[in-house]
């Protein structure tokens, strides 16, 4: 029995709806269901009674819910106490998470400016998707993360909007359009498109779909991939083209050219939001110091997005 399984169980037991519980934890319903099944197998009992219309707790499930809440509350208290003691020490630590484009575009200048004023803070970095970073904030594994803000934000987290990344198009280097300074959506209407998986990268996936819809076009999607780095490598192999955030240009890949996308209408559809996120109500001087540097330098960082 693992703490992550208990957290999944408590969320499902409180919601009595696996889809809503998964959304609350910023994870996929299939992943939540797998954790519940593993917990049931480990305990040797059914925790939920499921029908086609409803989910309810079994008697063992109701008993476990009471005990699980007490266990998790004790764990959170221990973690909070240890974190506070650690932060009171001489060496301060900031555990920082970021999505790939922010890691490539925002973090290099931000860390440079932060370390210039706070050399005593050791920064630990984790690059991952938003759906994986947000749960780590909730469990205390991260202190601050730069993410795409979800449509339905967990109320336990604080989000601060930062900037909007513009969209560009990645072409194979020898593509007929790769030498242009800019292109329109009409120019790539017949191109084979590569898009991210919506389950793990909803903002990046919807960027392509909504831009084409706004132009009255339908994208010809030939491949869905989970990682943005994978998509760029697929572009290099001439499998297709991809609409990506501008900071993706910092991911150096041989055989790929990036061309600006010229839109008939400007607006939020052609941009990807970036936000800073942290645990609501938590205190962390190192995190607050980084947010202060970010706020003072954000305008210069945004010019590159």
Protein backbone atom coordinates (compact mmCIF):
# COMPACT_ATOMS: atom_id res chain seq x y z
CA UNK A 1 0.00 0.00 0.00
CA UNK A 2 1.53 3.29 -1.17
CA UNK A 3 0.74 6.88 -0.25
CA UNK A 4 0.00 7.74 -3.88
CA UNK A 5 -2.55 4.92 -4.00
CA UNK A 6 -4.17 6.21 -0.81
CA UNK A 7 -4.41 9.73 -2.26
CA UNK A 8 -6.02 8.32 -5.41
CA UNK A 9 -8.44 6.29 -3.31
CA UNK A 10 -9.45 9.26 -1.12
CA UNK A 11 -10.08 11.44 -4.18
CA UNK A 12 -12.21 8.74 -5.81
CA UNK A 13 -14.06 8.03 -2.56
CA UNK A 14 -14.87 11.70 -2.01
CA UNK A 15 -15.98 12.30 -5.59
CA UNK A 16 -17.55 8.87 -6.22
CA UNK A 17 -16.69 9.54 -9.86
CA UNK A 18 -13.40 8.35 -11.30
CA UNK A 19 -13.35 10.95 -14.07
CA UNK A 20 -13.81 13.90 -11.71
CA UNK A 21 -11.36 12.42 -9.22
CA UNK A 22 -8.72 12.00 -11.94
CA UNK A 23 -9.27 15.59 -13.08
CA UNK A 24 -8.95 16.78 -9.47
CA UNK A 25 -5.56 15.04 -9.25
CA UNK A 26 -4.51 16.19 -12.74
CA UNK A 27 -4.03 12.63 -13.93
CA UNK A 28 -5.63 10.34 -16.50
CA UNK A 29 -8.73 8.31 -15.44
CA UNK A 30 -7.01 5.13 -16.64
CA UNK A 31 -4.02 5.85 -14.38
CA UNK A 32 -6.32 6.53 -11.42
CA UNK A 33 -8.23 3.29 -12.06
CA UNK A 34 -4.95 1.37 -12.20
CA UNK A 35 -3.85 2.71 -8.81
CA UNK A 36 -7.21 1.76 -7.27
CA UNK A 37 -6.97 -1.77 -8.70
CA UNK A 38 -3.44 -2.17 -7.33
CA UNK A 39 -4.61 -1.02 -3.90
CA UNK A 40 -7.54 -3.45 -3.95
CA UNK A 41 -5.24 -6.30 -4.98
CA UNK A 42 -2.76 -5.41 -2.26
CA UNK A 43 -5.48 -5.31 0.43
CA UNK A 44 -7.34 -8.31 -0.96
CA UNK A 45 -10.75 -6.62 -0.92
CA UNK A 46 -13.10 -4.56 -3.08
CA UNK A 47 -13.19 -0.90 -2.10
CA UNK A 48 -15.78 0.29 -4.60
CA UNK A 49 -19.03 -1.16 -5.87
CA UNK A 50 -19.37 -0.18 -9.52
CA UNK A 51 -22.40 -0.24 -11.79
CA UNK A 52 -22.96 1.30 -15.20
CA UNK A 53 -24.58 4.32 -13.54
CA UNK A 54 -22.93 4.82 -10.18
CA UNK A 55 -19.91 4.22 -7.97
CA UNK A 56 -20.26 3.62 -4.22
CA UNK A 57 -18.01 2.56 -1.37
CA UNK A 58 -18.09 -0.95 0.00
CA UNK A 59 -18.04 -1.46 3.77
CA UNK A 60 -14.26 -2.01 3.61
CA UNK A 61 -13.96 1.07 1.43
CA UNK A 62 -15.77 3.25 3.96
CA UNK A 63 -13.50 1.95 6.73
CA UNK A 64 -10.38 2.62 4.69
CA UNK A 65 -11.54 6.15 3.81
CA UNK A 66 -11.64 7.12 7.50
CA UNK A 67 -8.21 5.60 8.17
CA UNK A 68 -6.67 6.92 4.93
CA UNK A 69 -7.64 10.50 5.75
CA UNK A 70 -5.96 10.19 9.14
CA UNK A 71 -2.82 8.64 7.61
CA UNK A 72 -2.49 11.32 4.93
CA UNK A 73 -3.05 14.12 7.43
CA UNK A 74 -0.25 12.71 9.60
CA UNK A 75 2.07 12.34 6.59
CA UNK A 76 1.43 15.92 5.49
CA UNK A 77 2.19 17.17 9.00
CA UNK A 78 5.48 15.23 9.11
CA UNK A 79 6.47 16.45 5.61
CA UNK A 80 5.65 20.05 6.49
CA UNK A 81 7.67 19.88 9.70
CA UNK A 82 10.71 18.40 7.95
CA UNK A 83 10.52 20.91 5.09
CA UNK A 84 10.36 23.79 7.54
CA UNK A 85 13.37 22.45 9.47
CA UNK A 86 15.29 21.95 6.25
CA UNK A 87 14.57 25.46 5.03
CA UNK A 88 15.75 26.86 8.34
CA UNK A 89 19.22 25.45 7.71
CA UNK A 90 22.18 27.26 6.23
CA UNK A 91 21.73 25.85 2.71
CA UNK A 92 18.43 26.85 1.14
CA UNK A 93 16.92 24.71 -1.58
CA UNK A 94 14.33 25.42 -4.26
CA UNK A 95 12.79 22.48 -6.14
CA UNK A 96 11.67 23.80 -9.49
CA UNK A 97 9.59 22.13 -12.20
CA UNK A 98 8.98 23.32 -15.76
CA UNK A 99 7.38 22.18 -18.99
CA UNK A 100 9.81 21.64 -21.87
CA UNK A 101 9.39 24.98 -23.69
CA UNK A 102 9.71 26.94 -20.43
CA UNK A 103 12.80 24.91 -19.53
CA UNK A 104 14.30 25.86 -22.88
CA UNK A 105 13.21 29.50 -23.09
CA UNK A 106 12.41 30.93 -19.65
CA UNK A 107 14.68 29.11 -17.21
CA UNK A 108 18.11 30.00 -18.64
CA UNK A 109 17.73 33.80 -18.20
CA UNK A 110 15.64 33.45 -15.03
CA UNK A 111 18.18 31.21 -13.30
CA UNK A 112 21.01 33.51 -14.39
CA UNK A 113 19.28 36.54 -12.86
CA UNK A 114 18.16 34.64 -9.75
CA UNK A 115 21.58 33.24 -8.96
CA UNK A 116 23.16 36.67 -9.35
CA UNK A 117 21.16 37.86 -6.36
CA UNK A 118 20.70 34.60 -4.44
CA UNK A 119 23.83 32.45 -4.78
CA UNK A 120 23.05 30.71 -1.46
CA UNK A 121 19.98 28.94 -2.90
CA UNK A 122 20.52 25.53 -4.51
CA UNK A 123 18.00 25.07 -7.33
CA UNK A 124 16.94 21.54 -8.30
CA UNK A 125 15.27 21.25 -11.72
CA UNK A 126 12.67 18.82 -13.05
CA UNK A 127 11.38 19.01 -16.63
CA UNK A 128 8.02 17.31 -17.22
CA UNK A 129 4.47 17.79 -18.46
CA UNK A 130 1.91 19.93 -16.64
CA UNK A 131 -0.20 16.86 -15.75
CA UNK A 132 2.79 15.39 -13.92
CA UNK A 133 4.13 18.58 -12.34
CA UNK A 134 0.93 19.71 -10.61
CA UNK A 135 0.57 16.56 -8.46
CA UNK A 136 4.18 17.00 -7.35
CA UNK A 137 3.31 20.46 -6.03
CA UNK A 138 0.44 18.95 -4.06
CA UNK A 139 2.63 16.25 -2.51
CA UNK A 140 5.41 18.71 -1.65
CA UNK A 141 7.91 17.20 -4.09
CA UNK A 142 8.17 20.58 -5.87
CA UNK A 143 8.12 24.14 -4.51
CA UNK A 144 7.38 25.99 -7.75
CA UNK A 145 6.47 24.97 -11.29
CA UNK A 146 6.08 26.70 -14.65
CA UNK A 147 3.13 25.08 -16.38
CA UNK A 148 0.22 25.49 -18.77
CA UNK A 149 -2.67 26.52 -16.47
CA UNK A 150 -5.41 23.84 -16.54
CA UNK A 151 -8.98 24.76 -17.50
CA UNK A 152 -10.13 23.65 -14.05
CA UNK A 153 -7.48 24.58 -11.52
CA UNK A 154 -7.13 22.71 -8.23
CA UNK A 155 -8.10 25.14 -5.47
CA UNK A 156 -5.20 23.89 -3.37
CA UNK A 157 -2.80 25.49 -5.86
CA UNK A 158 -2.02 29.13 -6.56
CA UNK A 159 -1.50 30.17 -10.21
CA UNK A 160 0.11 33.39 -11.43
CA UNK A 161 -0.25 34.10 -15.19
CA UNK A 162 3.10 35.03 -16.72
CA UNK A 163 3.09 35.32 -20.50
CA UNK A 164 1.74 33.92 -23.76
CA UNK A 165 4.03 31.96 -26.10
CA UNK A 166 3.42 32.61 -29.79
CA UNK A 167 3.07 29.80 -32.33
CA UNK A 168 5.56 28.95 -35.07
CA UNK A 169 5.79 26.13 -37.61
CA UNK A 170 8.50 23.47 -37.72
CA UNK A 171 9.42 22.26 -41.23
CA UNK A 172 11.91 19.71 -42.54
CA UNK A 173 14.99 21.70 -43.53
CA UNK A 174 14.58 21.16 -47.28
CA UNK A 175 10.81 21.69 -47.35
CA UNK A 176 9.61 24.14 -50.03
CA UNK A 177 8.25 26.51 -47.35
CA UNK A 178 11.20 26.28 -44.96
CA UNK A 179 13.02 29.22 -46.52
CA UNK A 180 10.20 31.72 -46.03
CA UNK A 181 10.23 34.40 -43.34
CA UNK A 182 6.60 33.67 -42.49
CA UNK A 183 3.69 31.53 -43.66
CA UNK A 184 -0.10 31.43 -43.22
CA UNK A 185 -2.34 28.54 -42.24
CA UNK A 186 -3.57 28.39 -45.83
CA UNK A 187 0.02 27.64 -46.89
CA UNK A 188 0.05 24.46 -44.76
CA UNK A 189 -3.60 23.43 -45.22
CA UNK A 190 -2.60 20.36 -47.26
CA UNK A 191 0.48 19.45 -45.22
CA UNK A 192 0.73 16.33 -43.06
CA UNK A 193 0.45 17.58 -39.48
CA UNK A 194 2.09 16.19 -36.34
CA UNK A 195 0.32 17.02 -33.06
CA UNK A 196 0.81 16.21 -29.36
CA UNK A 197 -1.46 13.78 -27.55
CA UNK A 198 -4.32 15.79 -26.03
CA UNK A 199 -4.43 13.67 -22.86
CA UNK A 200 -0.95 14.75 -21.82
CA UNK A 201 -0.59 18.08 -23.67
CA UNK A 202 -4.08 19.59 -24.08
CA UNK A 203 -2.90 23.17 -24.70
CA UNK A 204 -0.38 22.24 -27.41
CA UNK A 205 -2.84 19.83 -29.07
CA UNK A 206 -5.66 22.38 -29.09
CA UNK A 207 -3.32 25.06 -30.46
CA UNK A 208 -3.21 23.32 -33.86
CA UNK A 209 -6.91 22.36 -33.87
CA UNK A 210 -8.22 25.82 -32.89
CA UNK A 211 -5.95 27.71 -35.27
CA UNK A 212 -7.21 25.65 -38.19
CA UNK A 213 -10.81 26.00 -37.02
CA UNK A 214 -10.43 29.78 -36.81
CA UNK A 215 -9.18 29.80 -40.40
CA UNK A 216 -12.06 27.60 -41.57
CA UNK A 217 -9.70 24.72 -42.32
CA UNK A 218 -9.26 21.14 -41.15
CA UNK A 219 -5.75 19.86 -40.30
CA UNK A 220 -4.61 16.64 -41.95
CA UNK A 221 -3.21 14.91 -38.87
CA UNK A 222 -0.97 11.94 -39.69
CA UNK A 223 0.73 11.31 -36.35
CA UNK A 224 0.11 11.95 -32.65
CA UNK A 225 3.10 11.85 -30.29
CA UNK A 226 3.46 12.33 -26.53
CA UNK A 227 6.72 14.30 -26.35
CA UNK A 228 7.43 17.59 -28.13
CA UNK A 229 11.04 16.51 -28.67
CA UNK A 230 9.71 13.43 -30.47
CA UNK A 231 7.53 15.59 -32.71
CA UNK A 232 10.49 17.76 -33.70
CA UNK A 233 12.55 14.67 -34.55
CA UNK A 234 9.65 13.35 -36.65
CA UNK A 235 9.62 16.66 -38.52
CA UNK A 236 13.33 16.17 -39.21
CA UNK A 237 12.57 12.77 -40.79
CA UNK A 238 10.09 14.50 -43.16
CA UNK A 239 7.04 12.77 -41.70
CA UNK A 240 5.20 16.09 -41.57
CA UNK A 241 5.16 19.61 -40.13
CA UNK A 242 4.12 20.83 -36.67
CA UNK A 243 2.79 23.99 -35.01
CA UNK A 244 4.77 24.49 -31.81
CA UNK A 245 5.50 27.19 -29.17
CA UNK A 246 8.24 29.65 -30.16
CA UNK A 247 10.60 28.55 -27.39
CA UNK A 248 10.75 25.14 -29.08
CA UNK A 249 13.35 26.72 -31.37
CA UNK A 250 15.77 26.44 -28.41
CA UNK A 251 15.61 22.63 -28.77
CA UNK A 252 18.35 22.29 -31.35
CA UNK A 253 17.52 19.48 -33.79
CA UNK A 254 19.42 18.98 -37.04
CA UNK A 255 17.26 19.03 -40.15
CA UNK A 256 14.49 21.32 -38.85
CA UNK A 257 13.69 24.93 -39.79
CA UNK A 258 11.26 27.13 -37.85
CA UNK A 259 9.09 29.67 -39.67
CA UNK A 260 6.90 32.36 -38.13
CA UNK A 261 3.15 31.84 -38.44
CA UNK A 262 1.26 34.87 -39.79
CA UNK A 263 -2.35 34.94 -38.58
CA UNK A 264 -5.19 36.96 -40.10
CA UNK A 265 -6.55 37.63 -36.61
CA UNK A 266 -4.45 38.16 -33.52
CA UNK A 267 -5.68 36.87 -30.20
CA UNK A 268 -5.35 34.13 -27.57
CA UNK A 269 -6.05 31.29 -30.04
CA UNK A 270 -2.56 31.60 -31.51
CA UNK A 271 -0.81 31.68 -28.16
CA UNK A 272 0.00 29.27 -25.33
CA UNK A 273 -0.34 30.54 -21.72
CA UNK A 274 2.42 30.00 -19.20
CA UNK A 275 1.84 30.32 -15.46
CA UNK A 276 3.78 29.90 -12.23
CA UNK A 277 2.13 27.49 -9.76
CA UNK A 278 2.73 26.64 -6.11
CA UNK A 279 0.92 25.23 -3.08
CA UNK A 280 -1.63 27.73 -1.82
CA UNK A 281 -0.94 29.04 1.68
CA UNK A 282 2.61 27.67 1.83
CA UNK A 283 5.58 29.75 2.96
CA UNK A 284 8.89 29.58 1.13
CA UNK A 285 11.35 32.52 1.11
CA UNK A 286 13.40 31.01 -1.75
CA UNK A 287 10.32 30.56 -3.92
CA UNK A 288 9.11 34.08 -3.16
CA UNK A 289 12.56 35.44 -4.03
CA UNK A 290 12.43 33.74 -7.44
CA UNK A 291 8.92 35.06 -8.06
CA UNK A 292 10.18 38.55 -7.21
CA UNK A 293 13.02 38.26 -9.75
CA UNK A 294 10.56 36.91 -12.30
CA UNK A 295 8.16 39.78 -11.80
CA UNK A 296 10.88 42.40 -12.19
CA UNK A 297 12.29 40.82 -15.37
CA UNK A 298 9.15 39.34 -16.91
CA UNK A 299 8.76 41.97 -19.61
CA UNK A 300 12.20 41.21 -21.02
CA UNK A 301 11.59 37.45 -20.87
CA UNK A 302 8.22 37.85 -22.62
CA UNK A 303 9.82 39.60 -25.59
CA UNK A 304 11.47 36.29 -26.49
CA UNK A 305 8.25 34.24 -26.29
